[in-house]
Amino acid sequence: MLPYIILLPIWLLVAIVLPLAQTLHALEAKSEDRKRWLFYWIVYAMSGMFLYYFEWLINIPFYLLSFYIDLYYETQILLALVLVFPKTMYISKVHEHVERNAAVAETVGKSKFKDGAQVAYGKFNELKEKFL
């Protein structure tokens, strides 16, 4: 809805400059917030990579909505603002949720990886005996 020439500086302020200032403040104060901001930057990089490959998938509902009103970039800015705005600070809630569920994800991931490794090892041995 807003022109891109206006959206880009707003996006840079909300998604990069504001978190960067808060990150530098946490680093100078050597506070516990350093973990939260490290988590933010990791999520920022991962979401950038995710959007590079799958933006078309996320854009589908916004494409259908764009016949009436175009809100894709405004929604991204709003999500970034909610995550990093000091009054809401939803990034800390997301960080706490990930920390709480990391142990469960680790055990499930290890068991799935171990099962996959055993299957691959069995297939490798079958091929090795077949050709040797």
C-alpha atoms as a PDB file:
ATOM      1  CA  MET A   1       0.000   0.000   0.000  1.00  0.00           C
ATOM      2  CA  LEU A   2       2.813   2.365   0.841  1.00  0.00           C
ATOM      3  CA  PRO A   3       5.351   3.011  -1.896  1.00  0.00           C
ATOM      4  CA  TYR A   4       8.481   0.890  -1.709  1.00  0.00           C
ATOM      5  CA  ILE A   5      10.668   3.993  -1.447  1.00  0.00           C
ATOM      6  CA  ILE A   6       9.033   4.617   1.946  1.00  0.00           C
ATOM      7  CA  LEU A   7       8.851   0.961   3.034  1.00  0.00           C
ATOM      8  CA  LEU A   8      12.551   0.267   2.599  1.00  0.00           C
ATOM      9  CA  PRO A   9      13.806   2.901   5.090  1.00  0.00           C
ATOM     10  CA  ILE A  10      11.099   1.882   7.570  1.00  0.00           C
ATOM     11  CA  TRP A  11      12.135  -1.765   7.190  1.00  0.00           C
ATOM     12  CA  LEU A  12      15.800  -0.881   7.704  1.00  0.00           C
ATOM     13  CA  LEU A  13      14.974   1.124  10.825  1.00  0.00           C
ATOM     14  CA  VAL A  14      12.692  -1.496  12.358  1.00  0.00           C
ATOM     15  CA  ALA A  15      14.519  -4.709  11.428  1.00  0.00           C
ATOM     16  CA  ILE A  16      18.154  -3.595  11.541  1.00  0.00           C
ATOM     17  CA  VAL A  17      18.819  -0.244  13.222  1.00  0.00           C
ATOM     18  CA  LEU A  18      16.568  -0.663  16.283  1.00  0.00           C
ATOM     19  CA  PRO A  19      17.774  -4.230  17.057  1.00  0.00           C
ATOM     20  CA  LEU A  20      21.362  -3.189  16.366  1.00  0.00           C
ATOM     21  CA  ALA A  21      21.117  -0.354  18.882  1.00  0.00           C
ATOM     22  CA  GLN A  22      19.579  -2.666  21.472  1.00  0.00           C
ATOM     23  CA  THR A  23      22.236  -5.307  20.762  1.00  0.00           C
ATOM     24  CA  LEU A  24      25.052  -2.811  21.227  1.00  0.00           C
ATOM     25  CA  HIS A  25      23.460  -1.576  24.444  1.00  0.00           C
ATOM     26  CA  ALA A  26      23.222  -5.157  25.765  1.00  0.00           C
ATOM     27  CA  LEU A  27      26.844  -5.824  24.802  1.00  0.00           C
ATOM     28  CA  GLU A  28      28.096  -2.685  26.537  1.00  0.00           C
ATOM     29  CA  ALA A  29      26.115  -3.435  29.694  1.00  0.00           C
ATOM     30  CA  LYS A  30      27.151  -7.121  29.597  1.00  0.00           C
ATOM     31  CA  SER A  31      23.580  -7.977  30.480  1.00  0.00           C
ATOM     32  CA  GLU A  32      21.680 -11.219  30.046  1.00  0.00           C
ATOM     33  CA  ASP A  33      19.971  -9.668  26.999  1.00  0.00           C
ATOM     34  CA  ARG A  34      22.984 -10.618  24.893  1.00  0.00           C
ATOM     35  CA  LYS A  35      21.560 -14.133  24.431  1.00  0.00           C
ATOM     36  CA  ARG A  36      18.228 -12.710  23.313  1.00  0.00           C
ATOM     37  CA  TRP A  37      19.828 -10.467  20.692  1.00  0.00           C
ATOM     38  CA  LEU A  38      22.120 -13.206  19.461  1.00  0.00           C
ATOM     39  CA  PHE A  39      18.974 -15.299  19.033  1.00  0.00           C
ATOM     40  CA  TYR A  40      17.350 -12.393  17.121  1.00  0.00           C
ATOM     41  CA  TRP A  41      20.248 -12.123  14.679  1.00  0.00           C
ATOM     42  CA  ILE A  42      20.308 -15.877  14.120  1.00  0.00           C
ATOM     43  CA  VAL A  43      16.557 -15.856  13.451  1.00  0.00           C
ATOM     44  CA  TYR A  44      16.999 -12.827  11.184  1.00  0.00           C
ATOM     45  CA  ALA A  45      19.631 -14.623   9.100  1.00  0.00           C
ATOM     46  CA  MET A  46      17.646 -17.867   8.971  1.00  0.00           C
ATOM     47  CA  SER A  47      14.455 -16.086   7.980  1.00  0.00           C
ATOM     48  CA  GLY A  48      16.344 -14.246   5.251  1.00  0.00           C
ATOM     49  CA  MET A  49      17.549 -17.552   3.846  1.00  0.00           C
ATOM     50  CA  PHE A  50      14.068 -19.058   4.223  1.00  0.00           C
ATOM     51  CA  LEU A  51      12.468 -16.132   2.396  1.00  0.00           C
ATOM     52  CA  TYR A  52      15.060 -16.353  -0.373  1.00  0.00           C
ATOM     53  CA  TYR A  53      13.871 -19.851  -1.259  1.00  0.00           C
ATOM     54  CA  PHE A  54      10.243 -19.925  -0.073  1.00  0.00           C
ATOM     55  CA  GLU A  55       8.961 -16.369  -0.344  1.00  0.00           C
ATOM     56  CA  TRP A  56       6.681 -17.519  -3.138  1.00  0.00           C
ATOM     57  CA  LEU A  57       4.936 -19.850  -0.674  1.00  0.00           C
ATOM     58  CA  ILE A  58       4.419 -17.156   1.952  1.00  0.00           C
ATOM     59  CA  ASN A  59       3.355 -14.687  -0.710  1.00  0.00           C
ATOM     60  CA  ILE A  60       0.374 -16.812  -1.925  1.00  0.00           C
ATOM     61  CA  PRO A  61      -2.222 -15.506   0.569  1.00  0.00           C
ATOM     62  CA  PHE A  62      -0.925 -11.982   0.101  1.00  0.00           C
ATOM     63  CA  TYR A  63      -1.172 -12.403  -3.669  1.00  0.00           C
ATOM     64  CA  LEU A  64      -4.844 -13.288  -3.339  1.00  0.00           C
ATOM     65  CA  LEU A  65      -5.324 -10.354  -0.997  1.00  0.00           C
ATOM     66  CA  SER A  66      -3.441  -8.015  -3.347  1.00  0.00           C
ATOM     67  CA  PHE A  67      -6.423  -7.855  -5.674  1.00  0.00           C
ATOM     68  CA  TYR A  68      -8.019  -5.682  -3.012  1.00  0.00           C
ATOM     69  CA  ILE A  69      -5.153  -4.309  -0.937  1.00  0.00           C
ATOM     70  CA  ASP A  70      -1.404  -4.983  -0.934  1.00  0.00           C
ATOM     71  CA  LEU A  71      -0.126  -5.577   2.604  1.00  0.00           C
ATOM     72  CA  TYR A  72       2.822  -7.957   2.208  1.00  0.00           C
ATOM     73  CA  TYR A  73       5.657  -5.590   3.136  1.00  0.00           C
ATOM     74  CA  GLU A  74       3.593  -3.791   5.747  1.00  0.00           C
ATOM     75  CA  THR A  75       2.951  -7.144   7.446  1.00  0.00           C
ATOM     76  CA  GLN A  76       6.673  -7.898   7.472  1.00  0.00           C
ATOM     77  CA  ILE A  77       7.398  -4.521   9.055  1.00  0.00           C
ATOM     78  CA  LEU A  78       4.652  -5.018  11.641  1.00  0.00           C
ATOM     79  CA  LEU A  79       5.993  -8.471  12.552  1.00  0.00           C
ATOM     80  CA  ALA A  80       9.541  -7.117  12.941  1.00  0.00           C
ATOM     81  CA  LEU A  81       8.250  -4.205  15.021  1.00  0.00           C
ATOM     82  CA  VAL A  82       6.305  -6.500  17.345  1.00  0.00           C
ATOM     83  CA  LEU A  83       9.370  -8.699  17.777  1.00  0.00           C
ATOM     84  CA  VAL A  84      11.817  -5.923  18.706  1.00  0.00           C
ATOM     85  CA  PHE A  85       9.756  -3.024  20.075  1.00  0.00           C
ATOM     86  CA  PRO A  86      10.794  -2.508  23.717  1.00  0.00           C
ATOM     87  CA  LYS A  87       7.200  -2.460  25.038  1.00  0.00           C
ATOM     88  CA  THR A  88       6.206  -5.794  23.465  1.00  0.00           C
ATOM     89  CA  MET A  89       9.586  -7.560  23.017  1.00  0.00           C
ATOM     90  CA  TYR A  90       8.073 -10.751  21.590  1.00  0.00           C
ATOM     91  CA  ILE A  91      11.540 -11.943  20.604  1.00  0.00           C
ATOM     92  CA  SER A  92      12.147 -12.796  24.262  1.00  0.00           C
ATOM     93  CA  LYS A  93       8.917 -14.828  24.369  1.00  0.00           C
ATOM     94  CA  VAL A  94       9.960 -16.709  21.236  1.00  0.00           C
ATOM     95  CA  HIS A  95      13.429 -17.249  22.717  1.00  0.00           C
ATOM     96  CA  GLU A  96      11.974 -18.647  25.955  1.00  0.00           C
ATOM     97  CA  HIS A  97       9.670 -20.950  23.990  1.00  0.00           C
ATOM     98  CA  VAL A  98      12.580 -22.272  21.921  1.00  0.00           C
ATOM     99  CA  GLU A  99      14.726 -22.793  25.031  1.00  0.00           C
ATOM    100  CA  ARG A 100      11.906 -24.681  26.790  1.00  0.00           C
ATOM    101  CA  ASN A 101      11.332 -27.010  23.848  1.00  0.00           C
ATOM    102  CA  ALA A 102      14.951 -27.432  22.764  1.00  0.00           C
ATOM    103  CA  ALA A 103      15.467 -30.583  24.836  1.00  0.00           C
ATOM    104  CA  VAL A 104      12.446 -32.279  23.284  1.00  0.00           C
ATOM    105  CA  ALA A 105      13.522 -31.278  19.784  1.00  0.00           C
ATOM    106  CA  GLU A 106      17.049 -32.503  20.487  1.00  0.00           C
ATOM    107  CA  THR A 107      15.934 -35.972  21.591  1.00  0.00           C
ATOM    108  CA  VAL A 108      13.527 -36.346  18.674  1.00  0.00           C
ATOM    109  CA  GLY A 109      16.159 -35.099  16.231  1.00  0.00           C
ATOM    110  CA  LYS A 110      18.814 -37.453  17.588  1.00  0.00           C
ATOM    111  CA  SER A 111      16.522 -40.474  17.378  1.00  0.00           C
ATOM    112  CA  LYS A 112      15.447 -39.619  13.814  1.00  0.00           C
ATOM    113  CA  PHE A 113      19.052 -39.036  12.774  1.00  0.00           C
ATOM    114  CA  LYS A 114      20.156 -42.305  14.364  1.00  0.00           C
ATOM    115  CA  ASP A 115      17.364 -44.204  12.577  1.00  0.00           C
ATOM    116  CA  GLY A 116      18.274 -42.601   9.260  1.00  0.00           C
ATOM    117  CA  ALA A 117      21.958 -43.364   9.779  1.00  0.00           C
ATOM    118  CA  GLN A 118      21.183 -47.023  10.484  1.00  0.00           C
ATOM    119  CA  VAL A 119      19.069 -47.303   7.335  1.00  0.00           C
ATOM    120  CA  ALA A 120      21.797 -45.629   5.263  1.00  0.00           C
ATOM    121  CA  TYR A 121      24.451 -47.915   6.772  1.00  0.00           C
ATOM    122  CA  GLY A 122      22.356 -50.978   5.932  1.00  0.00           C
ATOM    123  CA  LYS A 123      21.843 -49.812   2.331  1.00  0.00           C
ATOM    124  CA  PHE A 124      25.557 -49.055   2.014  1.00  0.00           C
ATOM    125  CA  ASN A 125      26.465 -52.556   3.223  1.00  0.00           C
ATOM    126  CA  GLU A 126      23.993 -54.093   0.754  1.00  0.00           C
ATOM    127  CA  LEU A 127      25.537 -52.165  -2.123  1.00  0.00           C
ATOM    128  CA  LYS A 128      29.055 -52.971  -0.947  1.00  0.00           C
ATOM    129  CA  GLU A 129      28.353 -56.719  -0.865  1.00  0.00           C
ATOM    130  CA  LYS A 130      26.529 -56.569  -4.194  1.00  0.00           C
ATOM    131  CA  PHE A 131      29.423 -54.982  -6.047  1.00  0.00           C
ATOM    132  CA  LEU A 132      32.338 -56.576  -4.197  1.00  0.00           C
END
